[in-house]
Amino acid sequence: MSYSIHTDQNITAVEYTSLMESVGWGSNYEDEVVLRSLSAYPLVAHARSRSGMLLGYVSAFSDHAFSTMLGELVVHPTAQRQGIGRALLAVVEQEFYGVPIYVKPLGAAREFFLACGYRVPTVEMQVLFKRNGAAR
């Protein structure tokens, strides 16, 4: 599959929502919320087919010293196992070279990250969350 990687935020709310829905990560996102999320990340990269279809997306935050947190890494099901996830992850690793990158893999994504050289820390880590305010 032919694709190109881009490091801009030129992603519409509609195509972002479509990508997330394709992997079962919710639906009916409000455009304003999607655009706010896209603009909040210092690093956004995405993969597109030759025809321009959004095939994959990655986002990350970093302090450029001690930690980088991966936001989302999503590849459309029809484009998985084509190297897109690895190419998007490589953008993050290159941008924040030498800074530890932390991921919160869901389900089978854990195996993907392990195959990419990520490892389970020797000290147990847990993910906790709290939604402040009203549910959206």
N, C-alpha and C. Protein backbone atom coordinates (compact mmCIF):
# COMPACT_ATOMS: atom_id res chain seq x y z
N MET A 1 0.84 -1.18 0.00
CA MET A 1 0.00 0.00 0.00
C MET A 1 0.88 1.24 0.00
N SER A 2 0.59 2.15 -0.87
CA SER A 2 1.35 3.39 -0.98
C SER A 2 0.72 4.46 -0.07
N TYR A 3 1.57 5.12 0.72
CA TYR A 3 1.08 6.16 1.62
C TYR A 3 2.19 7.18 1.82
N SER A 4 1.81 8.34 2.34
CA SER A 4 2.79 9.37 2.68
C SER A 4 2.52 9.83 4.11
N ILE A 5 3.59 10.24 4.78
CA ILE A 5 3.50 10.70 6.17
C ILE A 5 3.60 12.23 6.17
N HIS A 6 2.74 12.85 6.96
CA HIS A 6 2.69 14.31 7.07
C HIS A 6 2.79 14.70 8.54
N THR A 7 3.45 15.82 8.82
CA THR A 7 3.60 16.29 10.20
C THR A 7 2.92 17.63 10.41
N ASP A 8 1.79 17.79 9.79
CA ASP A 8 0.99 19.00 10.01
C ASP A 8 -0.32 18.60 10.68
N GLN A 9 -1.11 19.58 11.02
CA GLN A 9 -2.40 19.30 11.65
C GLN A 9 -3.54 19.48 10.66
N ASN A 10 -3.26 19.26 9.42
CA ASN A 10 -4.26 19.42 8.36
C ASN A 10 -5.15 18.17 8.30
N ILE A 11 -5.96 18.02 9.32
CA ILE A 11 -6.88 16.90 9.45
C ILE A 11 -8.25 17.49 9.79
N THR A 12 -9.26 17.07 9.08
CA THR A 12 -10.60 17.57 9.40
C THR A 12 -11.22 16.74 10.52
N ALA A 13 -12.17 17.34 11.20
CA ALA A 13 -12.87 16.64 12.27
C ALA A 13 -13.61 15.42 11.71
N VAL A 14 -14.15 15.55 10.52
CA VAL A 14 -14.90 14.44 9.91
C VAL A 14 -13.99 13.25 9.65
N GLU A 15 -12.81 13.48 9.08
CA GLU A 15 -11.94 12.34 8.79
C GLU A 15 -11.33 11.75 10.06
N TYR A 16 -11.06 12.59 11.05
CA TYR A 16 -10.57 12.09 12.33
C TYR A 16 -11.63 11.19 12.98
N THR A 17 -12.85 11.67 13.01
CA THR A 17 -13.95 10.89 13.59
C THR A 17 -14.13 9.57 12.85
N SER A 18 -14.04 9.61 11.54
CA SER A 18 -14.18 8.40 10.73
C SER A 18 -13.08 7.40 11.06
N LEU A 19 -11.85 7.87 11.21
CA LEU A 19 -10.74 6.99 11.56
C LEU A 19 -10.97 6.35 12.93
N MET A 20 -11.36 7.15 13.90
CA MET A 20 -11.59 6.63 15.25
C MET A 20 -12.74 5.61 15.25
N GLU A 21 -13.79 5.90 14.52
CA GLU A 21 -14.92 4.97 14.43
C GLU A 21 -14.49 3.65 13.78
N SER A 22 -13.56 3.71 12.82
CA SER A 22 -13.14 2.50 12.11
C SER A 22 -12.46 1.49 13.04
N VAL A 23 -11.87 1.98 14.14
CA VAL A 23 -11.21 1.08 15.08
C VAL A 23 -12.02 0.90 16.37
N GLY A 24 -13.24 1.42 16.38
CA GLY A 24 -14.11 1.25 17.53
C GLY A 24 -13.86 2.18 18.69
N TRP A 25 -13.24 3.33 18.43
CA TRP A 25 -12.94 4.28 19.49
C TRP A 25 -13.98 5.37 19.57
N GLY A 26 -15.22 5.02 19.63
CA GLY A 26 -16.29 5.99 19.81
C GLY A 26 -16.85 6.51 18.51
N SER A 27 -17.83 7.36 18.65
CA SER A 27 -18.49 7.95 17.48
C SER A 27 -19.15 9.25 17.90
N ASN A 28 -19.61 9.97 16.93
CA ASN A 28 -20.33 11.23 17.16
C ASN A 28 -19.51 12.26 17.94
N TYR A 29 -18.24 12.35 17.63
CA TYR A 29 -17.42 13.39 18.25
C TYR A 29 -17.87 14.75 17.74
N GLU A 30 -17.89 15.72 18.60
CA GLU A 30 -18.21 17.08 18.19
C GLU A 30 -16.99 17.68 17.49
N ASP A 31 -17.24 18.36 16.37
CA ASP A 31 -16.14 18.95 15.60
C ASP A 31 -15.25 19.84 16.48
N GLU A 32 -15.85 20.64 17.32
CA GLU A 32 -15.10 21.57 18.17
C GLU A 32 -14.15 20.81 19.10
N VAL A 33 -14.60 19.69 19.64
CA VAL A 33 -13.77 18.89 20.55
C VAL A 33 -12.60 18.27 19.79
N VAL A 34 -12.86 17.76 18.59
CA VAL A 34 -11.80 17.16 17.77
C VAL A 34 -10.76 18.21 17.42
N LEU A 35 -11.18 19.35 16.96
CA LEU A 35 -10.24 20.39 16.56
C LEU A 35 -9.44 20.91 17.75
N ARG A 36 -10.07 21.00 18.92
CA ARG A 36 -9.36 21.41 20.14
C ARG A 36 -8.28 20.38 20.48
N SER A 37 -8.60 19.09 20.36
CA SER A 37 -7.63 18.04 20.64
C SER A 37 -6.45 18.11 19.67
N LEU A 38 -6.75 18.23 18.39
CA LEU A 38 -5.68 18.30 17.39
C LEU A 38 -4.74 19.46 17.66
N SER A 39 -5.29 20.61 18.00
CA SER A 39 -4.45 21.79 18.21
C SER A 39 -3.70 21.75 19.53
N ALA A 40 -4.12 20.92 20.47
CA ALA A 40 -3.45 20.84 21.78
C ALA A 40 -2.13 20.09 21.72
N TYR A 41 -2.00 19.18 20.77
CA TYR A 41 -0.79 18.35 20.71
C TYR A 41 0.35 19.09 19.99
N PRO A 42 1.52 19.16 20.62
CA PRO A 42 2.67 19.77 19.95
C PRO A 42 3.13 18.96 18.73
N LEU A 43 2.88 17.65 18.76
CA LEU A 43 3.26 16.82 17.62
C LEU A 43 2.06 16.01 17.15
N VAL A 44 1.73 16.21 15.91
CA VAL A 44 0.71 15.40 15.23
C VAL A 44 1.32 14.96 13.91
N ALA A 45 1.17 13.69 13.62
CA ALA A 45 1.60 13.18 12.31
C ALA A 45 0.47 12.29 11.80
N HIS A 46 0.36 12.20 10.49
CA HIS A 46 -0.69 11.37 9.92
C HIS A 46 -0.24 10.78 8.61
N ALA A 47 -0.87 9.67 8.27
CA ALA A 47 -0.57 8.97 7.02
C ALA A 47 -1.78 9.08 6.11
N ARG A 48 -1.49 9.31 4.81
CA ARG A 48 -2.55 9.41 3.82
C ARG A 48 -2.22 8.52 2.62
N SER A 49 -3.29 8.00 2.04
CA SER A 49 -3.14 7.23 0.81
C SER A 49 -2.86 8.19 -0.33
N ARG A 50 -2.55 7.65 -1.50
CA ARG A 50 -2.34 8.51 -2.68
C ARG A 50 -3.56 9.35 -2.98
N SER A 51 -4.74 8.80 -2.71
CA SER A 51 -5.98 9.54 -2.99
C SER A 51 -6.32 10.55 -1.90
N GLY A 52 -5.54 10.57 -0.81
CA GLY A 52 -5.74 11.54 0.25
C GLY A 52 -6.50 11.03 1.46
N MET A 53 -6.90 9.77 1.46
CA MET A 53 -7.64 9.21 2.59
C MET A 53 -6.73 9.14 3.82
N LEU A 54 -7.27 9.54 4.97
CA LEU A 54 -6.55 9.46 6.23
C LEU A 54 -6.46 7.99 6.64
N LEU A 55 -5.24 7.46 6.68
CA LEU A 55 -5.02 6.05 7.01
C LEU A 55 -4.53 5.84 8.44
N GLY A 56 -3.85 6.84 8.99
CA GLY A 56 -3.29 6.70 10.32
C GLY A 56 -3.02 8.04 10.96
N TYR A 57 -2.90 8.03 12.28
CA TYR A 57 -2.74 9.25 13.06
C TYR A 57 -1.95 8.95 14.32
N VAL A 58 -1.07 9.86 14.70
CA VAL A 58 -0.37 9.77 15.98
C VAL A 58 -0.26 11.18 16.56
N SER A 59 -0.30 11.25 17.91
CA SER A 59 -0.11 12.53 18.59
C SER A 59 0.75 12.29 19.83
N ALA A 60 1.46 13.34 20.26
CA ALA A 60 2.33 13.20 21.43
C ALA A 60 2.59 14.55 22.09
N PHE A 61 2.80 14.49 23.40
CA PHE A 61 3.25 15.61 24.22
C PHE A 61 4.64 15.27 24.73
N SER A 62 5.50 16.27 24.93
CA SER A 62 6.81 16.00 25.51
C SER A 62 7.34 17.24 26.22
N ASP A 63 8.13 17.01 27.27
CA ASP A 63 8.84 18.11 27.92
C ASP A 63 10.24 18.25 27.33
N HIS A 64 10.58 17.40 26.35
CA HIS A 64 11.86 17.39 25.64
C HIS A 64 13.04 17.07 26.56
N ALA A 65 12.75 16.51 27.74
CA ALA A 65 13.83 16.18 28.66
C ALA A 65 13.63 14.83 29.35
N PHE A 66 12.50 14.68 30.04
CA PHE A 66 12.30 13.50 30.86
C PHE A 66 11.19 12.56 30.39
N SER A 67 10.22 13.09 29.67
CA SER A 67 9.14 12.20 29.25
C SER A 67 8.38 12.73 28.04
N THR A 68 7.98 11.77 27.24
CA THR A 68 7.08 12.00 26.11
C THR A 68 5.91 11.06 26.30
N MET A 69 4.72 11.58 26.16
CA MET A 69 3.52 10.77 26.30
C MET A 69 2.84 10.67 24.94
N LEU A 70 2.66 9.45 24.50
CA LEU A 70 1.94 9.23 23.26
C LEU A 70 0.46 9.45 23.54
N GLY A 71 -0.18 10.23 22.69
CA GLY A 71 -1.62 10.45 22.83
C GLY A 71 -2.36 9.29 22.21
N GLU A 72 -2.52 9.33 20.92
CA GLU A 72 -3.17 8.24 20.18
C GLU A 72 -2.26 7.80 19.05
N LEU A 73 -2.33 6.53 18.76
CA LEU A 73 -1.72 5.97 17.55
C LEU A 73 -2.79 5.06 16.97
N VAL A 74 -3.32 5.46 15.83
CA VAL A 74 -4.45 4.75 15.23
C VAL A 74 -4.17 4.52 13.75
N VAL A 75 -4.42 3.30 13.29
CA VAL A 75 -4.30 2.97 11.87
C VAL A 75 -5.61 2.31 11.43
N HIS A 76 -6.14 2.79 10.33
CA HIS A 76 -7.39 2.24 9.80
C HIS A 76 -7.23 0.73 9.61
N PRO A 77 -8.24 -0.06 9.96
CA PRO A 77 -8.13 -1.52 9.85
C PRO A 77 -7.70 -2.02 8.47
N THR A 78 -8.14 -1.36 7.42
CA THR A 78 -7.77 -1.81 6.07
C THR A 78 -6.32 -1.50 5.73
N ALA A 79 -5.67 -0.68 6.55
CA ALA A 79 -4.28 -0.29 6.29
C ALA A 79 -3.31 -0.84 7.33
N GLN A 80 -3.80 -1.64 8.26
CA GLN A 80 -2.92 -2.20 9.28
C GLN A 80 -1.99 -3.25 8.67
N ARG A 81 -0.86 -3.42 9.33
CA ARG A 81 0.19 -4.38 8.92
C ARG A 81 0.83 -4.00 7.58
N GLN A 82 0.87 -2.69 7.33
CA GLN A 82 1.50 -2.17 6.12
C GLN A 82 2.69 -1.26 6.45
N GLY A 83 3.05 -1.16 7.74
CA GLY A 83 4.17 -0.32 8.16
C GLY A 83 3.77 1.09 8.56
N ILE A 84 2.50 1.41 8.48
CA ILE A 84 2.05 2.77 8.79
C ILE A 84 2.22 3.09 10.27
N GLY A 85 1.81 2.19 11.14
CA GLY A 85 1.97 2.43 12.58
C GLY A 85 3.43 2.64 12.96
N ARG A 86 4.31 1.82 12.42
CA ARG A 86 5.74 1.97 12.70
C ARG A 86 6.28 3.29 12.15
N ALA A 87 5.82 3.68 10.96
CA ALA A 87 6.29 4.94 10.37
C ALA A 87 5.82 6.13 11.20
N LEU A 88 4.60 6.08 11.69
CA LEU A 88 4.10 7.18 12.53
C LEU A 88 4.84 7.21 13.86
N LEU A 89 5.07 6.06 14.45
CA LEU A 89 5.82 6.00 15.70
C LEU A 89 7.25 6.51 15.51
N ALA A 90 7.84 6.24 14.36
CA ALA A 90 9.19 6.72 14.06
C ALA A 90 9.26 8.25 14.05
N VAL A 91 8.19 8.90 13.62
CA VAL A 91 8.15 10.37 13.64
C VAL A 91 8.28 10.86 15.08
N VAL A 92 7.53 10.25 15.98
CA VAL A 92 7.58 10.63 17.40
C VAL A 92 8.98 10.37 17.96
N GLU A 93 9.52 9.19 17.68
CA GLU A 93 10.83 8.83 18.20
C GLU A 93 11.93 9.75 17.67
N GLN A 94 11.82 10.17 16.44
CA GLN A 94 12.82 11.07 15.86
C GLN A 94 12.68 12.48 16.46
N GLU A 95 11.45 12.95 16.58
CA GLU A 95 11.21 14.30 17.11
C GLU A 95 11.70 14.43 18.55
N PHE A 96 11.51 13.38 19.33
CA PHE A 96 11.86 13.42 20.76
C PHE A 96 13.00 12.44 21.06
N TYR A 97 13.98 12.41 20.19
CA TYR A 97 15.11 11.49 20.29
C TYR A 97 15.77 11.60 21.66
N GLY A 98 16.00 10.47 22.31
CA GLY A 98 16.68 10.44 23.60
C GLY A 98 15.78 10.66 24.79
N VAL A 99 14.52 10.99 24.56
CA VAL A 99 13.57 11.23 25.65
C VAL A 99 12.69 9.98 25.79
N PRO A 100 12.54 9.45 27.00
CA PRO A 100 11.68 8.27 27.15
C PRO A 100 10.26 8.53 26.65
N ILE A 101 9.71 7.56 25.94
CA ILE A 101 8.35 7.66 25.41
C ILE A 101 7.48 6.66 26.15
N TYR A 102 6.40 7.16 26.70
CA TYR A 102 5.45 6.33 27.44
C TYR A 102 4.19 6.16 26.62
N VAL A 103 3.69 4.92 26.61
CA VAL A 103 2.46 4.61 25.88
C VAL A 103 1.48 3.90 26.81
N LYS A 104 0.20 4.02 26.50
CA LYS A 104 -0.85 3.32 27.23
C LYS A 104 -1.59 2.44 26.23
N PRO A 105 -1.01 1.32 25.86
CA PRO A 105 -1.64 0.50 24.82
C PRO A 105 -2.93 -0.15 25.29
N LEU A 106 -3.89 -0.19 24.40
CA LEU A 106 -5.17 -0.85 24.68
C LEU A 106 -5.19 -2.19 23.97
N GLY A 107 -5.59 -3.22 24.68
CA GLY A 107 -5.77 -4.54 24.08
C GLY A 107 -4.53 -5.06 23.36
N ALA A 108 -4.74 -5.49 22.12
CA ALA A 108 -3.68 -6.10 21.31
C ALA A 108 -2.59 -5.11 20.91
N ALA A 109 -2.82 -3.82 21.10
CA ALA A 109 -1.79 -2.82 20.76
C ALA A 109 -0.52 -3.03 21.57
N ARG A 110 -0.64 -3.64 22.72
CA ARG A 110 0.53 -3.92 23.56
C ARG A 110 1.56 -4.73 22.77
N GLU A 111 1.11 -5.72 22.03
CA GLU A 111 2.02 -6.55 21.25
C GLU A 111 2.72 -5.75 20.16
N PHE A 112 2.00 -4.80 19.55
CA PHE A 112 2.60 -3.93 18.54
C PHE A 112 3.77 -3.15 19.15
N PHE A 113 3.54 -2.53 20.31
CA PHE A 113 4.59 -1.73 20.93
C PHE A 113 5.76 -2.59 21.39
N LEU A 114 5.49 -3.77 21.90
CA LEU A 114 6.57 -4.68 22.28
C LEU A 114 7.40 -5.04 21.06
N ALA A 115 6.75 -5.29 19.93
CA ALA A 115 7.45 -5.62 18.68
C ALA A 115 8.28 -4.44 18.17
N CYS A 116 7.90 -3.23 18.56
CA CYS A 116 8.64 -2.02 18.15
C CYS A 116 9.75 -1.67 19.13
N GLY A 117 10.01 -2.54 20.10
CA GLY A 117 11.12 -2.31 21.02
C GLY A 117 10.74 -1.68 22.35
N TYR A 118 9.47 -1.42 22.57
CA TYR A 118 9.03 -0.89 23.86
C TYR A 118 9.02 -2.04 24.86
N ARG A 119 9.17 -1.72 26.13
CA ARG A 119 9.23 -2.78 27.12
C ARG A 119 8.39 -2.43 28.34
N VAL A 120 8.08 -3.45 29.08
CA VAL A 120 7.32 -3.29 30.32
C VAL A 120 8.31 -2.84 31.38
N PRO A 121 7.99 -1.78 32.13
CA PRO A 121 8.93 -1.30 33.16
C PRO A 121 9.08 -2.31 34.29
N THR A 122 10.23 -2.27 34.96
CA THR A 122 10.47 -3.19 36.07
C THR A 122 9.62 -2.81 37.29
N VAL A 123 9.28 -1.56 37.41
CA VAL A 123 8.39 -1.11 38.48
C VAL A 123 7.00 -0.97 37.88
N GLU A 124 6.03 -1.59 38.52
CA GLU A 124 4.67 -1.57 37.98
C GLU A 124 4.14 -0.15 37.81
N MET A 125 3.51 0.08 36.67
CA MET A 125 2.86 1.36 36.40
C MET A 125 1.39 1.08 36.16
N GLN A 126 0.57 1.99 36.58
CA GLN A 126 -0.86 1.86 36.34
C GLN A 126 -1.36 3.13 35.70
N VAL A 127 -2.44 3.01 34.97
CA VAL A 127 -3.08 4.17 34.39
C VAL A 127 -4.33 4.44 35.22
N LEU A 128 -4.43 5.64 35.73
CA LEU A 128 -5.61 6.08 36.46
C LEU A 128 -6.18 7.27 35.71
N PHE A 129 -7.48 7.45 35.79
CA PHE A 129 -8.05 8.62 35.14
C PHE A 129 -9.24 9.12 35.91
N LYS A 130 -9.56 10.37 35.67
CA LYS A 130 -10.73 11.01 36.26
C LYS A 130 -11.24 12.00 35.24
N ARG A 131 -12.51 11.94 34.95
CA ARG A 131 -13.10 12.91 34.03
C ARG A 131 -13.59 14.08 34.88
N ASN A 132 -12.98 15.22 34.72
CA ASN A 132 -13.40 16.42 35.44
C ASN A 132 -14.67 16.97 34.82
N GLY A 133 -15.64 17.31 35.61
CA GLY A 133 -16.84 17.95 35.12
C GLY A 133 -17.79 16.98 34.45
N ALA A 134 -18.67 17.55 33.68
CA ALA A 134 -19.74 16.78 33.02
C ALA A 134 -19.18 15.89 31.92
N ALA A 135 -19.81 14.75 31.75
CA ALA A 135 -19.44 13.84 30.65
C ALA A 135 -19.80 14.49 29.34
N ARG A 136 -19.00 14.20 28.30
CA ARG A 136 -19.26 14.77 26.98
C ARG A 136 -19.79 13.72 26.07
